[in-house]
Amino acid sequence: MSQFIPADRLRTWRRAMPFWLSLLLVPLVWAGAQMGGWWVLLPPLATWYLFAALDGVFGLELENADPETADADLKWYIRLTSFWVPLHVVTLFALLAYVTHTEHLSSLAKVGVFFGMGVISGTIGINYSHELMHQRNRYERWMGDILLALVLYSHFRSEHLLVHHRYVGTPRDPVTARYNEGFHRFYPRVLWQCWRSALGAEAALLARKSLPWHHPSNPFWRYWGLQAAFLALAALIGGWSGVALFLVQAGVAIWQLELVNYVEHYGLTRKHLGDGKYEHVKPHHSWNAAHKASNWLLINLQRHSDHHYKPDRRFPLLQTYSEEEAPQLPYGYPVMTVAAMIPPLWRRVMNPKVRQWRRKHYPEIKDWLPYNKARNPMPR
């Protein structure tokens, strides 16, 4: 493991600037809206292919920041996620107003523009909401709720904090993809299981206080209120077309999120200790990727092994791990999420890696069938 990056280097804006590259996606989606045609493909081309190419150019980032660095030394990183929220809201609804009141775009082109906006909402918006929801102050958590409401997936906060982090790598976590489970089976399963498990987890918290699930303190009321407000604003701006385009970007964003969820833990399971108990979460229970450019785009989300090991660390402080400590993806998320859409290709690349991981970390387990066939009971 390399030496820590000194705090004085983290304080400089130059060190943080590569993470601000996400802002360049905003003019790209506007170029598509104004030019039409193939220009509407600029956002997905940038996030999926440009950053994959940049990973090849810039290689791996193996340096780690001192995890004890104070927030005061991270202002340029913290400002990025806070600044993105109003920018995202303004971009989405201004784009909606422009596209629904212009004559030069065909219906297909309008859908294409909001497909691109959905890629931004999923790649950047939901990802930044993930960073914000893990913070302890109410302001940042509210910012995270706003970003999730923009894609009608507010329950992700409850599911992620109360279910995923607690049960990752076990049958009780819906988003831990099972060995040999293709994405096209995984996706419809998690859509309903995550919503149900999130509501169940919040209801269980209220039940411990002898309160019903529909008590006003249930955050689902806030989730539904924000989502309804944004849908109403879309209708006010663009009528039924505005609502339809809003739903397009939300659907694309959710698809992007669950693609990443699929990649992050595919085939990795915690050892069952008996009586329904599992070992503690360790770095080797998540796939790690140290690819520099895609980690700029995704604010170090690919350092996922450390995120699960220390969930409250801010993104610039997340640590990367060696191959001895955590399993490594062969490419960054832009490439791996595309591969996940092609199950035979995905299995060819990833199944041997899962089997190797099993031999390395759990040589004592001879029968993996119970882990492979494990069901997803809802948390009680």
Protein backbone atom coordinates (compact mmCIF):
# COMPACT_ATOMS: atom_id res chain seq x y z
CA MET A 1 0.00 0.00 0.00
CA SER A 2 1.34 3.43 -0.91
CA GLN A 3 1.99 6.23 1.54
CA PHE A 4 -0.87 8.58 2.35
CA ILE A 5 -1.39 11.75 0.31
CA PRO A 6 -0.61 14.68 2.64
CA ALA A 7 -3.58 16.84 3.70
CA ASP A 8 -1.99 19.97 2.23
CA ARG A 9 -2.14 18.38 -1.23
CA LEU A 10 -5.81 17.49 -0.76
CA ARG A 11 -6.61 21.10 0.15
CA THR A 12 -5.56 22.44 -3.24
CA TRP A 13 -8.27 22.96 -5.84
CA ARG A 14 -6.01 21.43 -8.51
CA ARG A 15 -6.14 18.08 -6.73
CA ALA A 16 -9.96 18.15 -6.68
CA MET A 17 -10.54 19.52 -10.18
CA PRO A 18 -10.54 16.16 -12.05
CA PHE A 19 -13.64 15.18 -10.07
CA TRP A 20 -15.38 18.32 -11.37
CA LEU A 21 -15.24 16.90 -14.92
CA SER A 22 -18.83 15.75 -14.40
CA LEU A 23 -19.95 19.35 -15.00
CA LEU A 24 -18.92 19.00 -18.64
CA LEU A 25 -21.83 16.63 -19.19
CA VAL A 26 -24.27 19.55 -18.83
CA PRO A 27 -23.19 21.37 -22.02
CA LEU A 28 -23.16 18.02 -23.82
CA VAL A 29 -26.84 17.36 -23.13
CA TRP A 30 -27.66 20.93 -24.15
CA ALA A 31 -25.74 20.46 -27.41
CA GLY A 32 -27.90 17.44 -28.14
CA ALA A 33 -31.08 19.42 -27.43
CA GLN A 34 -30.05 22.24 -29.76
CA MET A 35 -28.50 20.21 -32.58
CA GLY A 36 -30.68 17.10 -32.54
CA GLY A 37 -29.71 14.09 -34.65
CA TRP A 38 -26.74 12.04 -33.46
CA TRP A 39 -25.74 14.86 -31.10
CA VAL A 40 -28.27 13.53 -28.56
CA LEU A 41 -25.91 10.58 -27.98
CA LEU A 42 -23.12 12.74 -26.56
CA PRO A 43 -23.82 12.08 -22.84
CA PRO A 44 -23.84 8.26 -23.10
CA LEU A 45 -20.87 8.32 -25.47
CA ALA A 46 -18.93 10.42 -22.97
CA THR A 47 -19.80 8.42 -19.84
CA TRP A 48 -19.57 4.93 -21.35
CA TYR A 49 -16.86 5.23 -23.99
CA LEU A 50 -14.82 8.39 -23.46
CA PHE A 51 -14.09 7.63 -19.82
CA ALA A 52 -13.36 3.99 -20.67
CA ALA A 53 -10.76 5.27 -23.15
CA LEU A 54 -9.39 7.71 -20.58
CA ASP A 55 -8.97 4.82 -18.14
CA GLY A 56 -6.68 3.26 -20.73
CA VAL A 57 -4.70 6.50 -20.99
CA PHE A 58 -4.40 7.39 -17.30
CA GLY A 59 -4.27 3.89 -15.83
CA LEU A 60 -4.74 3.13 -12.15
CA GLU A 61 -4.77 5.44 -9.13
CA LEU A 62 -3.08 3.57 -6.27
CA GLU A 63 -2.47 6.50 -3.93
CA ASN A 64 -4.60 6.84 -0.81
CA ALA A 65 -5.50 9.89 1.22
CA ASP A 66 -5.07 9.89 4.97
CA PRO A 67 -8.50 8.65 6.16
CA GLU A 68 -8.23 10.94 9.22
CA THR A 69 -8.17 14.08 7.05
CA ALA A 70 -10.58 16.69 8.41
CA ASP A 71 -13.55 18.02 6.43
CA ALA A 72 -11.92 21.46 6.48
CA ASP A 73 -9.24 20.08 4.15
CA LEU A 74 -11.85 18.68 1.73
CA LYS A 75 -13.81 21.81 0.86
CA TRP A 76 -13.31 21.52 -2.91
CA TYR A 77 -14.67 17.97 -2.86
CA ILE A 78 -17.61 18.74 -0.58
CA ARG A 79 -18.52 21.79 -2.67
CA LEU A 80 -18.80 19.60 -5.77
CA THR A 81 -21.61 17.42 -4.47
CA SER A 82 -23.47 20.38 -2.95
CA PHE A 83 -23.10 22.50 -6.09
CA TRP A 84 -24.34 19.69 -8.32
CA VAL A 85 -27.80 19.53 -6.71
CA PRO A 86 -29.16 22.96 -7.79
CA LEU A 87 -27.34 22.60 -11.13
CA HIS A 88 -29.07 19.27 -11.74
CA VAL A 89 -32.52 20.60 -10.82
CA VAL A 90 -32.16 23.67 -13.05
CA THR A 91 -30.71 21.65 -15.94
CA LEU A 92 -33.45 19.02 -15.86
CA PHE A 93 -36.41 21.39 -15.78
CA ALA A 94 -34.90 24.00 -18.09
CA LEU A 95 -34.19 21.22 -20.58
CA LEU A 96 -37.76 20.00 -20.17
CA ALA A 97 -39.10 23.49 -20.90
CA TYR A 98 -36.86 23.86 -23.95
CA VAL A 99 -37.52 20.45 -25.50
CA THR A 100 -41.31 20.49 -25.02
CA HIS A 101 -41.64 23.96 -26.59
CA THR A 102 -39.34 23.60 -29.58
CA GLU A 103 -40.23 22.63 -33.14
CA HIS A 104 -36.88 21.49 -34.54
CA LEU A 105 -36.71 18.17 -32.65
CA SER A 106 -38.62 15.06 -33.69
CA SER A 107 -40.35 12.97 -31.04
CA LEU A 108 -37.54 10.41 -31.28
CA ALA A 109 -34.91 13.12 -30.83
CA LYS A 110 -36.70 14.44 -27.75
CA VAL A 111 -36.67 10.96 -26.25
CA GLY A 112 -32.97 10.75 -27.17
CA VAL A 113 -32.22 14.01 -25.34
CA PHE A 114 -33.89 12.72 -22.19
CA PHE A 115 -32.21 9.35 -22.55
CA GLY A 116 -28.96 11.33 -22.33
CA MET A 117 -30.30 13.31 -19.38
CA GLY A 118 -31.16 10.01 -17.71
CA VAL A 119 -27.60 8.81 -18.18
CA ILE A 120 -26.45 11.97 -16.37
CA SER A 121 -29.09 11.49 -13.65
CA GLY A 122 -27.94 7.91 -13.11
CA THR A 123 -24.19 8.29 -13.51
CA ILE A 124 -23.86 11.57 -11.61
CA GLY A 125 -27.14 12.42 -9.86
CA ILE A 126 -27.80 9.12 -8.08
CA ASN A 127 -24.11 8.63 -7.45
CA TYR A 128 -23.83 12.03 -5.76
CA SER A 129 -27.01 11.32 -3.79
CA HIS A 130 -25.26 8.19 -2.53
CA GLU A 131 -22.40 10.30 -1.21
CA LEU A 132 -24.79 12.82 0.36
CA MET A 133 -27.08 10.28 2.05
CA HIS A 134 -24.13 8.81 3.93
CA GLN A 135 -23.28 12.13 5.60
CA ARG A 136 -24.41 12.93 9.11
CA ASN A 137 -25.69 16.48 8.66
CA ARG A 138 -29.32 17.03 7.71
CA TYR A 139 -28.56 19.51 4.92
CA GLU A 140 -26.55 17.02 2.85
CA ARG A 141 -29.09 14.25 3.43
CA TRP A 142 -31.84 16.54 2.17
CA MET A 143 -29.76 17.28 -0.93
CA GLY A 144 -29.48 13.55 -1.49
CA ASP A 145 -33.26 13.16 -1.14
CA ILE A 146 -33.81 15.83 -3.80
CA LEU A 147 -31.57 14.04 -6.30
CA LEU A 148 -33.32 10.71 -5.70
CA ALA A 149 -36.77 12.26 -6.02
CA LEU A 150 -35.77 13.61 -9.44
CA VAL A 151 -35.61 10.00 -10.65
CA LEU A 152 -38.56 8.71 -8.58
CA TYR A 153 -36.29 6.35 -6.62
CA SER A 154 -36.33 7.96 -3.20
CA HIS A 155 -36.66 4.64 -1.37
CA PHE A 156 -33.08 3.87 -2.43
CA ARG A 157 -31.90 5.87 0.59
CA SER A 158 -33.77 3.66 3.08
CA GLU A 159 -32.92 0.47 1.22
CA HIS A 160 -29.25 1.35 0.94
CA LEU A 161 -28.68 2.53 4.51
CA LEU A 162 -30.94 0.11 6.38
CA VAL A 163 -30.82 -3.02 4.22
CA HIS A 164 -27.90 -3.11 1.79
CA HIS A 165 -25.14 -2.07 4.17
CA ARG A 166 -26.43 -4.38 6.88
CA TYR A 167 -27.10 -7.47 4.79
CA VAL A 168 -24.68 -7.13 1.83
CA GLY A 169 -23.35 -10.49 0.70
CA THR A 170 -26.24 -12.41 2.27
CA PRO A 171 -29.61 -13.67 0.97
CA ARG A 172 -31.37 -10.80 2.77
CA ASP A 173 -29.77 -8.20 0.51
CA PRO A 174 -31.73 -7.92 -2.74
CA VAL A 175 -28.97 -6.09 -4.64
CA THR A 176 -26.21 -8.64 -4.05
CA ALA A 177 -26.31 -10.40 -7.42
CA ARG A 178 -26.06 -14.18 -7.11
CA TYR A 179 -23.48 -16.24 -8.94
CA ASN A 180 -24.77 -17.01 -12.46
CA GLU A 181 -27.70 -14.59 -12.06
CA GLY A 182 -27.80 -12.57 -15.29
CA PHE A 183 -28.59 -8.87 -15.17
CA HIS A 184 -31.86 -9.33 -17.07
CA ARG A 185 -33.14 -11.59 -14.26
CA PHE A 186 -31.58 -9.45 -11.54
CA TYR A 187 -33.11 -6.17 -12.72
CA PRO A 188 -36.87 -6.90 -12.45
CA ARG A 189 -36.25 -8.72 -9.18
CA VAL A 190 -34.52 -5.80 -7.46
CA LEU A 191 -37.06 -3.24 -8.67
CA TRP A 192 -39.81 -4.66 -6.48
CA GLN A 193 -37.71 -6.31 -3.78
CA CYS A 194 -35.78 -3.12 -2.98
CA TRP A 195 -38.93 -1.02 -2.66
CA ARG A 196 -40.56 -3.65 -0.46
CA SER A 197 -37.48 -4.17 1.72
CA ALA A 198 -37.00 -0.40 2.14
CA LEU A 199 -40.58 0.10 3.29
CA GLY A 200 -40.31 -2.94 5.54
CA ALA A 201 -37.11 -1.66 7.13
CA GLU A 202 -38.66 1.75 7.91
CA ALA A 203 -41.81 0.07 9.26
CA ALA A 204 -39.66 -2.12 11.50
CA LEU A 205 -37.92 0.96 12.93
CA LEU A 206 -41.29 2.53 13.71
CA ALA A 207 -42.63 -0.71 15.21
CA ARG A 208 -39.80 -0.65 17.74
CA LYS A 209 -41.25 2.65 18.92
CA SER A 210 -44.78 1.16 18.93
CA LEU A 211 -45.72 3.32 15.93
CA PRO A 212 -47.57 2.22 12.75
CA TRP A 213 -45.83 2.26 9.37
CA HIS A 214 -47.96 5.21 8.24
CA HIS A 215 -46.81 7.45 11.09
CA PRO A 216 -45.81 10.94 9.82
CA SER A 217 -42.18 10.31 10.82
CA ASN A 218 -41.85 7.61 8.15
CA PRO A 219 -39.51 9.17 5.52
CA PHE A 220 -41.62 7.57 2.76
CA TRP A 221 -44.05 10.49 3.18
CA ARG A 222 -41.21 12.87 2.36
CA TYR A 223 -40.15 10.66 -0.53
CA TRP A 224 -43.65 10.59 -2.01
CA GLY A 225 -44.15 14.32 -1.46
CA LEU A 226 -40.93 15.27 -3.26
CA GLN A 227 -41.63 12.89 -6.13
CA ALA A 228 -45.18 14.17 -6.55
CA ALA A 229 -43.92 17.77 -6.54
CA PHE A 230 -41.38 17.08 -9.28
CA LEU A 231 -43.93 15.20 -11.40
CA ALA A 232 -46.36 18.10 -10.99
CA LEU A 233 -43.65 20.56 -12.03
CA ALA A 234 -42.88 18.45 -15.11
CA ALA A 235 -46.59 18.49 -16.01
CA LEU A 236 -46.83 22.24 -15.43
CA ILE A 237 -43.83 22.89 -17.68
CA GLY A 238 -44.49 20.43 -20.49
CA GLY A 239 -47.91 18.85 -20.03
CA TRP A 240 -48.21 15.13 -20.68
CA SER A 241 -45.13 15.26 -22.92
CA GLY A 242 -43.19 16.78 -20.06
CA VAL A 243 -44.28 13.98 -17.74
CA ALA A 244 -43.38 11.32 -20.32
CA LEU A 245 -39.90 12.77 -20.90
CA PHE A 246 -39.38 13.12 -17.15
CA LEU A 247 -40.23 9.41 -16.81
CA VAL A 248 -37.77 8.53 -19.60
CA GLN A 249 -34.85 10.13 -17.76
CA ALA A 250 -35.96 8.57 -14.46
CA GLY A 251 -36.17 5.10 -15.99
CA VAL A 252 -32.74 5.38 -17.61
CA ALA A 253 -31.22 6.61 -14.33
CA ILE A 254 -32.69 3.69 -12.37
CA TRP A 255 -31.40 1.24 -14.96
CA GLN A 256 -27.92 2.78 -14.65
CA LEU A 257 -28.04 2.54 -10.85
CA GLU A 258 -29.03 -1.10 -10.82
CA LEU A 259 -26.40 -1.97 -13.43
CA VAL A 260 -23.79 -0.61 -11.03
CA ASN A 261 -25.38 -2.44 -8.09
CA TYR A 262 -25.18 -5.65 -10.11
CA VAL A 263 -21.47 -5.18 -10.82
CA GLU A 264 -20.42 -4.14 -7.32
CA HIS A 265 -21.07 -7.44 -5.51
CA TYR A 266 -21.68 -10.05 -8.19
CA GLY A 267 -21.13 -13.54 -6.78
CA LEU A 268 -19.50 -12.35 -3.54
CA THR A 269 -20.98 -13.76 -0.35
CA ARG A 270 -20.19 -13.52 3.34
CA LYS A 271 -19.56 -16.83 5.11
CA HIS A 272 -22.57 -18.26 6.92
CA LEU A 273 -21.72 -18.93 10.57
CA GLY A 274 -24.94 -20.74 11.51
CA ASP A 275 -28.20 -19.66 13.14
CA GLY A 276 -28.77 -17.08 10.41
CA LYS A 277 -25.55 -15.23 11.26
CA TYR A 278 -22.83 -14.15 8.83
CA GLU A 279 -19.28 -12.93 9.22
CA HIS A 280 -18.64 -9.18 9.37
CA VAL A 281 -18.32 -7.23 6.13
CA LYS A 282 -14.71 -7.05 4.94
CA PRO A 283 -13.01 -5.40 1.94
CA HIS A 284 -13.04 -8.66 0.00
CA HIS A 285 -16.87 -8.65 -0.11
CA SER A 286 -16.99 -5.96 -2.82
CA TRP A 287 -15.35 -5.65 -6.21
CA ASN A 288 -12.68 -2.94 -6.25
CA ALA A 289 -11.57 -0.90 -9.27
CA ALA A 290 -8.67 1.57 -9.15
CA HIS A 291 -9.14 3.02 -12.65
CA LYS A 292 -8.31 6.70 -12.39
CA ALA A 293 -10.54 8.43 -14.95
CA SER A 294 -13.75 6.54 -14.18
CA ASN A 295 -13.15 7.17 -10.48
CA TRP A 296 -12.99 10.89 -11.29
CA LEU A 297 -16.37 10.59 -13.01
CA LEU A 298 -17.90 8.46 -10.24
CA ILE A 299 -16.24 10.21 -7.27
CA ASN A 300 -14.40 7.05 -6.20
CA LEU A 301 -17.49 4.83 -6.16
CA GLN A 302 -15.30 2.08 -7.59
CA ARG A 303 -13.34 2.04 -4.35
CA HIS A 304 -16.35 0.12 -3.18
CA SER A 305 -14.50 -2.32 -0.97
CA ASP A 306 -13.55 0.50 1.38
CA HIS A 307 -16.97 2.12 1.18
CA HIS A 308 -18.56 -0.98 2.70
CA TYR A 309 -15.76 -1.36 5.18
CA LYS A 310 -16.09 2.29 6.33
CA PRO A 311 -19.44 3.62 4.98
CA ASP A 312 -19.18 7.12 6.49
CA ARG A 313 -15.91 8.06 4.75
CA ARG A 314 -16.20 10.93 2.29
CA PHE A 315 -15.32 10.01 -1.26
CA PRO A 316 -11.82 11.61 -1.43
CA LEU A 317 -10.77 9.56 1.60
CA LEU A 318 -11.88 6.16 0.33
CA GLN A 319 -8.98 3.74 0.15
CA THR A 320 -8.07 1.46 -2.70
CA TYR A 321 -6.87 -2.07 -2.00
CA SER A 322 -4.39 -4.46 -3.52
CA GLU A 323 -5.41 -7.70 -5.18
CA GLU A 324 -4.40 -9.53 -2.01
CA GLU A 325 -6.93 -7.56 0.03
CA ALA A 326 -9.92 -7.21 -2.30
CA PRO A 327 -11.05 -8.69 -5.64
CA GLN A 328 -10.28 -6.44 -8.61
CA LEU A 329 -12.45 -5.75 -11.64
CA PRO A 330 -10.53 -6.03 -14.91
CA TYR A 331 -11.95 -2.71 -16.14
CA GLY A 332 -13.78 0.28 -14.67
CA TYR A 333 -17.56 0.53 -14.38
CA PRO A 334 -18.08 2.08 -17.86
CA VAL A 335 -16.81 -1.13 -19.46
CA MET A 336 -18.15 -3.56 -16.87
CA THR A 337 -21.72 -2.22 -16.96
CA VAL A 338 -21.79 -2.64 -20.74
CA ALA A 339 -20.51 -6.21 -20.30
CA ALA A 340 -23.24 -6.87 -17.72
CA MET A 341 -25.87 -6.21 -20.40
CA ILE A 342 -24.49 -9.22 -22.32
CA PRO A 343 -24.84 -12.18 -19.89
CA PRO A 344 -22.71 -14.72 -21.84
CA LEU A 345 -19.86 -12.21 -22.03
CA TRP A 346 -20.30 -11.28 -18.37
CA ARG A 347 -20.21 -14.90 -17.21
CA ARG A 348 -17.15 -15.62 -19.35
CA VAL A 349 -15.25 -12.73 -17.74
CA MET A 350 -16.54 -12.79 -14.16
CA ASN A 351 -17.41 -16.39 -13.25
CA PRO A 352 -13.77 -17.55 -13.26
CA LYS A 353 -12.92 -14.56 -11.05
CA VAL A 354 -15.65 -15.50 -8.58
CA ARG A 355 -14.42 -19.10 -8.44
CA GLN A 356 -10.86 -17.89 -7.89
CA TRP A 357 -12.11 -15.57 -5.11
CA ARG A 358 -13.86 -18.51 -3.42
CA ARG A 359 -10.72 -20.67 -3.51
CA LYS A 360 -8.63 -17.85 -2.12
CA HIS A 361 -10.82 -16.61 0.73
CA TYR A 362 -12.90 -19.68 1.60
CA PRO A 363 -10.93 -22.83 0.75
CA GLU A 364 -12.77 -24.66 3.56
CA ILE A 365 -16.16 -24.32 1.79
CA LYS A 366 -16.55 -27.26 -0.59
CA ASP A 367 -20.24 -26.96 -1.47
CA TRP A 368 -21.29 -23.55 -2.81
CA LEU A 369 -24.72 -24.69 -3.99
CA PRO A 370 -26.56 -23.31 -0.91
CA TYR A 371 -24.96 -19.90 -1.55
CA ASN A 372 -25.74 -20.00 -5.27
CA LYS A 373 -29.39 -20.93 -4.72
CA ALA A 374 -30.02 -18.68 -1.71
CA ARG A 375 -33.32 -16.82 -1.83
CA ASN A 376 -34.01 -13.24 -0.83
CA PRO A 377 -36.31 -13.21 2.22
CA MET A 378 -37.56 -9.77 3.18
CA PRO A 379 -36.00 -8.22 6.31
CA ARG A 380 -38.27 -8.38 9.33
